[in-house]
């Protein structure tokens, strides 16, 4: 028997194939479970909304305080004629400023300003008859005086001519007014027709319209 010589050969095993773990697929969710989840979420939202709503109703609601407006304080009315003098005669009455003086004749009731005349004058009313009155009141049986003023004076000699209807002593009256062209002095002539043959003519010369209006506001027939 022949002996084998040389290095012994090792036993070679065949290579082991790698172990590949099996791939796990995600479990499929049932559609029924999804529907139940949606229903649960909706139910939770509905329950929360109902709770919040009932809580707000039970809580005391703020009440708006009523707005209180301060009552307007009464304003003391000032009567510019309160301290004036009063004329009361010849069937008429009216008030006039304290600085005015009444001058009476058979034909006219005249008003003048005492400050217009020098203190040395002993007869200011006599002087006023020549110079003219601030206010002259005539009681006549016709309106010729008014018509003469209207026809002869105002259309030709006055600027800012105006004619209007006013009320004096609960009577309707006609007033013509304007400014004298040469002197720029205010004129006003008023006609009050009490009856067919009873007129009151009021002539104002050089008097502020505001003062004349205040005198007329107190004018009454007795």
C-alpha atoms as a PDB file:
ATOM      1  CA  UNK A   1       0.000   0.000   0.000  1.00  0.00           C
ATOM      2  CA  UNK A   2       1.387   3.253  -0.964  1.00  0.00           C
ATOM      3  CA  UNK A   3       1.452   6.039   1.606  1.00  0.00           C
ATOM      4  CA  UNK A   4       0.181   9.409   0.597  1.00  0.00           C
ATOM      5  CA  UNK A   5       2.632  12.198   1.106  1.00  0.00           C
ATOM      6  CA  UNK A   6       2.191  15.966   1.201  1.00  0.00           C
ATOM      7  CA  UNK A   7       0.055  18.379   3.165  1.00  0.00           C
ATOM      8  CA  UNK A   8      -3.439  17.231   3.880  1.00  0.00           C
ATOM      9  CA  UNK A   9      -6.157  19.321   2.177  1.00  0.00           C
ATOM     10  CA  UNK A  10      -8.787  20.880   4.457  1.00  0.00           C
ATOM     11  CA  UNK A  11     -12.420  20.171   3.890  1.00  0.00           C
ATOM     12  CA  UNK A  12     -14.041  23.234   2.212  1.00  0.00           C
ATOM     13  CA  UNK A  13     -17.731  23.771   3.016  1.00  0.00           C
ATOM     14  CA  UNK A  14     -19.988  25.434   0.465  1.00  0.00           C
ATOM     15  CA  UNK A  15     -20.808  29.156   1.216  1.00  0.00           C
ATOM     16  CA  UNK A  16     -23.898  29.754   3.290  1.00  0.00           C
ATOM     17  CA  UNK A  17     -26.367  32.062   1.585  1.00  0.00           C
ATOM     18  CA  UNK A  18     -27.231  35.293   3.628  1.00  0.00           C
ATOM     19  CA  UNK A  19     -30.398  35.227   5.618  1.00  0.00           C
ATOM     20  CA  UNK A  20     -32.799  37.927   4.397  1.00  0.00           C
ATOM     21  CA  UNK A  21     -35.490  38.794   6.955  1.00  0.00           C
ATOM     22  CA  UNK A  22     -38.959  38.568   5.553  1.00  0.00           C
ATOM     23  CA  UNK A  23     -40.610  41.951   4.724  1.00  0.00           C
ATOM     24  CA  UNK A  24     -43.566  42.635   6.992  1.00  0.00           C
ATOM     25  CA  UNK A  25     -46.420  44.377   5.197  1.00  0.00           C
ATOM     26  CA  UNK A  26     -48.507  46.951   7.232  1.00  0.00           C
ATOM     27  CA  UNK A  27     -51.741  45.531   8.342  1.00  0.00           C
ATOM     28  CA  UNK A  28     -54.654  46.851   6.348  1.00  0.00           C
ATOM     29  CA  UNK A  29     -57.100  49.021   8.316  1.00  0.00           C
ATOM     30  CA  UNK A  30     -60.669  48.150   8.048  1.00  0.00           C
ATOM     31  CA  UNK A  31     -62.914  50.932   6.505  1.00  0.00           C
ATOM     32  CA  UNK A  32     -65.302  50.360   9.377  1.00  0.00           C
ATOM     33  CA  UNK A  33     -62.650  51.447  11.894  1.00  0.00           C
ATOM     34  CA  UNK A  34     -62.003  54.671   9.960  1.00  0.00           C
ATOM     35  CA  UNK A  35     -65.690  55.480   9.901  1.00  0.00           C
ATOM     36  CA  UNK A  36     -65.915  54.885  13.652  1.00  0.00           C
ATOM     37  CA  UNK A  37     -62.953  57.208  14.267  1.00  0.00           C
ATOM     38  CA  UNK A  38     -64.556  59.978  12.216  1.00  0.00           C
ATOM     39  CA  UNK A  39     -67.843  59.547  14.064  1.00  0.00           C
ATOM     40  CA  UNK A  40     -66.056  59.697  17.427  1.00  0.00           C
ATOM     41  CA  UNK A  41     -64.171  62.891  16.470  1.00  0.00           C
ATOM     42  CA  UNK A  42     -67.411  64.565  15.291  1.00  0.00           C
ATOM     43  CA  UNK A  43     -69.168  63.504  18.476  1.00  0.00           C
ATOM     44  CA  UNK A  44     -66.362  64.987  20.586  1.00  0.00           C
ATOM     45  CA  UNK A  45     -66.560  68.321  18.738  1.00  0.00           C
ATOM     46  CA  UNK A  46     -70.344  68.404  19.081  1.00  0.00           C
ATOM     47  CA  UNK A  47     -70.176  67.640  22.797  1.00  0.00           C
ATOM     48  CA  UNK A  48     -67.541  70.349  23.326  1.00  0.00           C
ATOM     49  CA  UNK A  49     -69.581  72.952  21.444  1.00  0.00           C
ATOM     50  CA  UNK A  50     -72.724  72.093  23.380  1.00  0.00           C
ATOM     51  CA  UNK A  51     -70.827  72.374  26.678  1.00  0.00           C
ATOM     52  CA  UNK A  52     -69.369  75.745  25.776  1.00  0.00           C
ATOM     53  CA  UNK A  53     -72.769  77.035  24.640  1.00  0.00           C
ATOM     54  CA  UNK A  54     -74.565  75.949  27.805  1.00  0.00           C
ATOM     55  CA  UNK A  55     -71.738  77.377  29.912  1.00  0.00           C
ATOM     56  CA  UNK A  56     -72.077  80.793  28.246  1.00  0.00           C
ATOM     57  CA  UNK A  57     -75.824  80.748  28.780  1.00  0.00           C
ATOM     58  CA  UNK A  58     -75.455  79.915  32.454  1.00  0.00           C
ATOM     59  CA  UNK A  59     -72.837  82.576  33.037  1.00  0.00           C
ATOM     60  CA  UNK A  60     -74.224  86.045  33.911  1.00  0.00           C
ATOM     61  CA  UNK A  61     -74.227  88.231  30.833  1.00  0.00           C
ATOM     62  CA  UNK A  62     -72.888  91.795  31.141  1.00  0.00           C
ATOM     63  CA  UNK A  63     -75.665  94.382  31.150  1.00  0.00           C
ATOM     64  CA  UNK A  64     -74.947  97.673  29.414  1.00  0.00           C
ATOM     65  CA  UNK A  65     -75.229 100.573  31.812  1.00  0.00           C
ATOM     66  CA  UNK A  66     -77.868 103.109  30.757  1.00  0.00           C
ATOM     67  CA  UNK A  67     -76.468 106.308  29.319  1.00  0.00           C
ATOM     68  CA  UNK A  68     -77.463 109.233  31.498  1.00  0.00           C
ATOM     69  CA  UNK A  69     -77.560 112.581  29.753  1.00  0.00           C
ATOM     70  CA  UNK A  70     -77.222 115.674  31.839  1.00  0.00           C
ATOM     71  CA  UNK A  71     -80.333 117.806  31.769  1.00  0.00           C
ATOM     72  CA  UNK A  72     -79.718 121.126  30.043  1.00  0.00           C
ATOM     73  CA  UNK A  73     -79.482 123.910  32.544  1.00  0.00           C
ATOM     74  CA  UNK A  74     -82.033 126.646  32.027  1.00  0.00           C
ATOM     75  CA  UNK A  75     -80.498 129.721  30.538  1.00  0.00           C
ATOM     76  CA  UNK A  76     -81.564 132.892  32.206  1.00  0.00           C
ATOM     77  CA  UNK A  77     -83.319 135.000  29.612  1.00  0.00           C
ATOM     78  CA  UNK A  78     -82.152 138.583  29.467  1.00  0.00           C
ATOM     79  CA  UNK A  79     -84.735 141.180  28.541  1.00  0.00           C
ATOM     80  CA  UNK A  80     -82.913 144.178  27.051  1.00  0.00           C
ATOM     81  CA  UNK A  81     -85.953 146.341  27.855  1.00  0.00           C
ATOM     82  CA  UNK A  82     -86.208 145.287  31.509  1.00  0.00           C
ATOM     83  CA  UNK A  83     -84.791 148.571  32.846  1.00  0.00           C
ATOM     84  CA  UNK A  84     -86.417 150.796  30.250  1.00  0.00           C
ATOM     85  CA  UNK A  85     -88.984 153.501  30.942  1.00  0.00           C
ATOM     86  CA  UNK A  86     -92.636 153.042  29.964  1.00  0.00           C
ATOM     87  CA  UNK A  87     -94.868 155.455  28.063  1.00  0.00           C
ATOM     88  CA  UNK A  88     -98.558 154.973  28.778  1.00  0.00           C
ATOM     89  CA  UNK A  89    -100.925 157.601  27.381  1.00  0.00           C
ATOM     90  CA  UNK A  90    -103.027 158.568  24.350  1.00  0.00           C
ATOM     91  CA  UNK A  91    -104.271 155.012  23.920  1.00  0.00           C
ATOM     92  CA  UNK A  92    -100.835 153.450  23.425  1.00  0.00           C
ATOM     93  CA  UNK A  93     -98.028 152.070  25.572  1.00  0.00           C
ATOM     94  CA  UNK A  94     -94.435 151.170  24.821  1.00  0.00           C
ATOM     95  CA  UNK A  95     -91.023 151.044  26.481  1.00  0.00           C
ATOM     96  CA  UNK A  96     -88.027 153.178  25.589  1.00  0.00           C
ATOM     97  CA  UNK A  97     -84.371 153.496  26.740  1.00  0.00           C
ATOM     98  CA  UNK A  98     -83.674 155.382  29.965  1.00  0.00           C
ATOM     99  CA  UNK A  99     -81.461 157.852  28.087  1.00  0.00           C
ATOM    100  CA  UNK A 100     -84.419 158.920  25.934  1.00  0.00           C
ATOM    101  CA  UNK A 101     -86.803 161.805  26.657  1.00  0.00           C
ATOM    102  CA  UNK A 102     -90.432 161.959  25.550  1.00  0.00           C
ATOM    103  CA  UNK A 103     -91.569 165.159  23.838  1.00  0.00           C
ATOM    104  CA  UNK A 104     -95.326 165.515  23.284  1.00  0.00           C
ATOM    105  CA  UNK A 105     -97.303 167.939  21.187  1.00  0.00           C
ATOM    106  CA  UNK A 106    -100.830 167.825  19.801  1.00  0.00           C
ATOM    107  CA  UNK A 107     -99.520 166.312  16.594  1.00  0.00           C
ATOM    108  CA  UNK A 108     -96.730 163.960  17.654  1.00  0.00           C
ATOM    109  CA  UNK A 109     -95.246 161.836  20.412  1.00  0.00           C
ATOM    110  CA  UNK A 110     -91.510 162.275  19.926  1.00  0.00           C
ATOM    111  CA  UNK A 111     -88.524 160.536  21.463  1.00  0.00           C
ATOM    112  CA  UNK A 112     -85.116 162.183  21.660  1.00  0.00           C
ATOM    113  CA  UNK A 113     -81.827 161.203  23.258  1.00  0.00           C
ATOM    114  CA  UNK A 114     -80.887 163.413  26.190  1.00  0.00           C
ATOM    115  CA  UNK A 115     -77.216 162.946  25.382  1.00  0.00           C
ATOM    116  CA  UNK A 116     -77.628 164.598  22.000  1.00  0.00           C
ATOM    117  CA  UNK A 117     -78.285 168.051  23.439  1.00  0.00           C
ATOM    118  CA  UNK A 118     -76.045 170.428  25.307  1.00  0.00           C
ATOM    119  CA  UNK A 119     -76.801 170.739  29.022  1.00  0.00           C
ATOM    120  CA  UNK A 120     -77.255 174.488  28.591  1.00  0.00           C
ATOM    121  CA  UNK A 121     -80.270 174.006  26.340  1.00  0.00           C
ATOM    122  CA  UNK A 122     -83.422 174.780  28.288  1.00  0.00           C
ATOM    123  CA  UNK A 123     -85.836 173.433  25.702  1.00  0.00           C
ATOM    124  CA  UNK A 124     -84.449 170.269  24.070  1.00  0.00           C
ATOM    125  CA  UNK A 125     -87.928 169.277  22.887  1.00  0.00           C
ATOM    126  CA  UNK A 126     -88.284 172.601  21.098  1.00  0.00           C
ATOM    127  CA  UNK A 127     -84.937 172.033  19.441  1.00  0.00           C
ATOM    128  CA  UNK A 128     -85.941 168.471  18.528  1.00  0.00           C
ATOM    129  CA  UNK A 129     -89.083 169.738  16.803  1.00  0.00           C
ATOM    130  CA  UNK A 130     -86.797 171.546  14.387  1.00  0.00           C
ATOM    131  CA  UNK A 131     -84.030 168.953  14.132  1.00  0.00           C
ATOM    132  CA  UNK A 132     -86.247 165.891  14.104  1.00  0.00           C
ATOM    133  CA  UNK A 133     -86.968 163.087  16.558  1.00  0.00           C
ATOM    134  CA  UNK A 134     -85.296 159.710  16.869  1.00  0.00           C
ATOM    135  CA  UNK A 135     -88.811 158.242  16.901  1.00  0.00           C
ATOM    136  CA  UNK A 136     -91.955 160.210  16.021  1.00  0.00           C
ATOM    137  CA  UNK A 137     -95.427 158.676  16.492  1.00  0.00           C
ATOM    138  CA  UNK A 138     -98.374 160.252  14.674  1.00  0.00           C
ATOM    139  CA  UNK A 139    -102.040 159.293  15.134  1.00  0.00           C
ATOM    140  CA  UNK A 140    -103.966 160.410  12.059  1.00  0.00           C
ATOM    141  CA  UNK A 141    -107.218 159.831  10.197  1.00  0.00           C
ATOM    142  CA  UNK A 142    -105.457 158.964   6.930  1.00  0.00           C
ATOM    143  CA  UNK A 143    -102.154 157.583   5.680  1.00  0.00           C
ATOM    144  CA  UNK A 144    -101.121 160.633   3.658  1.00  0.00           C
ATOM    145  CA  UNK A 145     -97.942 161.020   5.691  1.00  0.00           C
ATOM    146  CA  UNK A 146     -96.902 157.482   4.887  1.00  0.00           C
ATOM    147  CA  UNK A 147     -97.798 157.798   1.214  1.00  0.00           C
ATOM    148  CA  UNK A 148     -95.835 161.046   0.910  1.00  0.00           C
ATOM    149  CA  UNK A 149     -92.748 159.410   2.371  1.00  0.00           C
ATOM    150  CA  UNK A 150     -93.205 156.413   0.145  1.00  0.00           C
ATOM    151  CA  UNK A 151     -93.730 158.432  -3.028  1.00  0.00           C
ATOM    152  CA  UNK A 152     -91.481 161.444  -2.616  1.00  0.00           C
ATOM    153  CA  UNK A 153     -88.596 160.376  -0.453  1.00  0.00           C
ATOM    154  CA  UNK A 154     -87.643 156.722  -0.606  1.00  0.00           C
ATOM    155  CA  UNK A 155     -87.560 155.896  -4.305  1.00  0.00           C
ATOM    156  CA  UNK A 156     -85.478 158.976  -5.172  1.00  0.00           C
ATOM    157  CA  UNK A 157     -83.513 159.967  -2.080  1.00  0.00           C
ATOM    158  CA  UNK A 158     -82.656 156.683  -0.377  1.00  0.00           C
ATOM    159  CA  UNK A 159     -80.505 153.650  -1.031  1.00  0.00           C
ATOM    160  CA  UNK A 160     -81.112 150.107   0.211  1.00  0.00           C
ATOM    161  CA  UNK A 161     -84.812 150.771  -0.113  1.00  0.00           C
ATOM    162  CA  UNK A 162     -86.923 147.971   1.328  1.00  0.00           C
ATOM    163  CA  UNK A 163     -90.597 147.393   2.007  1.00  0.00           C
ATOM    164  CA  UNK A 164     -91.990 144.601   4.158  1.00  0.00           C
ATOM    165  CA  UNK A 165     -94.959 143.598   6.302  1.00  0.00           C
ATOM    166  CA  UNK A 166     -94.426 143.409  10.063  1.00  0.00           C
ATOM    167  CA  UNK A 167     -96.572 143.110  13.210  1.00  0.00           C
ATOM    168  CA  UNK A 168     -96.848 145.949  15.717  1.00  0.00           C
ATOM    169  CA  UNK A 169     -99.172 145.765  18.717  1.00  0.00           C
ATOM    170  CA  UNK A 170    -100.980 142.748  17.254  1.00  0.00           C
ATOM    171  CA  UNK A 171    -101.698 144.747  14.118  1.00  0.00           C
ATOM    172  CA  UNK A 172    -100.331 144.137  10.661  1.00  0.00           C
ATOM    173  CA  UNK A 173     -98.129 147.021   9.550  1.00  0.00           C
ATOM    174  CA  UNK A 174     -96.156 148.052   6.475  1.00  0.00           C
ATOM    175  CA  UNK A 175     -92.590 149.259   6.925  1.00  0.00           C
ATOM    176  CA  UNK A 176     -90.442 151.075   4.381  1.00  0.00           C
ATOM    177  CA  UNK A 177     -86.797 151.688   5.193  1.00  0.00           C
ATOM    178  CA  UNK A 178     -83.502 152.746   3.703  1.00  0.00           C
ATOM    179  CA  UNK A 179     -80.420 154.931   3.999  1.00  0.00           C
ATOM    180  CA  UNK A 180     -80.423 158.615   3.152  1.00  0.00           C
ATOM    181  CA  UNK A 181     -78.083 159.083   0.211  1.00  0.00           C
ATOM    182  CA  UNK A 182     -76.409 162.282   1.408  1.00  0.00           C
ATOM    183  CA  UNK A 183     -75.935 161.458   5.102  1.00  0.00           C
ATOM    184  CA  UNK A 184     -76.171 157.635   5.117  1.00  0.00           C
ATOM    185  CA  UNK A 185     -78.587 157.936   8.057  1.00  0.00           C
ATOM    186  CA  UNK A 186     -81.151 155.205   8.622  1.00  0.00           C
ATOM    187  CA  UNK A 187     -84.793 155.995   8.007  1.00  0.00           C
ATOM    188  CA  UNK A 188     -87.825 153.854   8.749  1.00  0.00           C
ATOM    189  CA  UNK A 189     -91.520 154.678   8.277  1.00  0.00           C
ATOM    190  CA  UNK A 190     -94.230 152.336   9.562  1.00  0.00           C
ATOM    191  CA  UNK A 191     -97.960 152.471   8.870  1.00  0.00           C
ATOM    192  CA  UNK A 192    -100.418 150.738  11.197  1.00  0.00           C
ATOM    193  CA  UNK A 193    -104.023 150.723  10.055  1.00  0.00           C
ATOM    194  CA  UNK A 194    -106.214 150.280  13.117  1.00  0.00           C
ATOM    195  CA  UNK A 195    -109.445 151.073  11.301  1.00  0.00           C
ATOM    196  CA  UNK A 196    -110.468 152.604   8.026  1.00  0.00           C
ATOM    197  CA  UNK A 197    -110.055 156.145   9.362  1.00  0.00           C
ATOM    198  CA  UNK A 198    -107.549 155.480  12.161  1.00  0.00           C
ATOM    199  CA  UNK A 199    -103.826 155.180  11.439  1.00  0.00           C
ATOM    200  CA  UNK A 200    -100.631 155.249  13.447  1.00  0.00           C
ATOM    201  CA  UNK A 201     -97.523 156.362  11.569  1.00  0.00           C
ATOM    202  CA  UNK A 202     -94.138 155.762  13.221  1.00  0.00           C
ATOM    203  CA  UNK A 203     -91.137 157.551  11.729  1.00  0.00           C
ATOM    204  CA  UNK A 204     -87.605 156.711  12.886  1.00  0.00           C
ATOM    205  CA  UNK A 205     -84.607 158.809  11.875  1.00  0.00           C
ATOM    206  CA  UNK A 206     -81.010 158.086  12.831  1.00  0.00           C
ATOM    207  CA  UNK A 207     -81.885 155.245  15.205  1.00  0.00           C
ATOM    208  CA  UNK A 208     -80.339 151.797  15.064  1.00  0.00           C
ATOM    209  CA  UNK A 209     -82.748 149.226  13.694  1.00  0.00           C
ATOM    210  CA  UNK A 210     -82.098 146.931  16.688  1.00  0.00           C
ATOM    211  CA  UNK A 211     -83.289 149.589  19.170  1.00  0.00           C
ATOM    212  CA  UNK A 212     -86.305 150.406  17.011  1.00  0.00           C
ATOM    213  CA  UNK A 213     -87.228 146.708  16.888  1.00  0.00           C
ATOM    214  CA  UNK A 214     -87.009 146.491  20.690  1.00  0.00           C
ATOM    215  CA  UNK A 215     -89.292 149.512  21.097  1.00  0.00           C
ATOM    216  CA  UNK A 216     -91.767 148.056  18.596  1.00  0.00           C
ATOM    217  CA  UNK A 217     -91.759 144.707  20.435  1.00  0.00           C
ATOM    218  CA  UNK A 218     -93.227 146.463  23.494  1.00  0.00           C
ATOM    219  CA  UNK A 219     -95.741 148.565  21.527  1.00  0.00           C
ATOM    220  CA  UNK A 220     -99.388 147.941  22.445  1.00  0.00           C
ATOM    221  CA  UNK A 221    -102.724 149.688  22.008  1.00  0.00           C
ATOM    222  CA  UNK A 222    -104.814 150.357  25.124  1.00  0.00           C
END
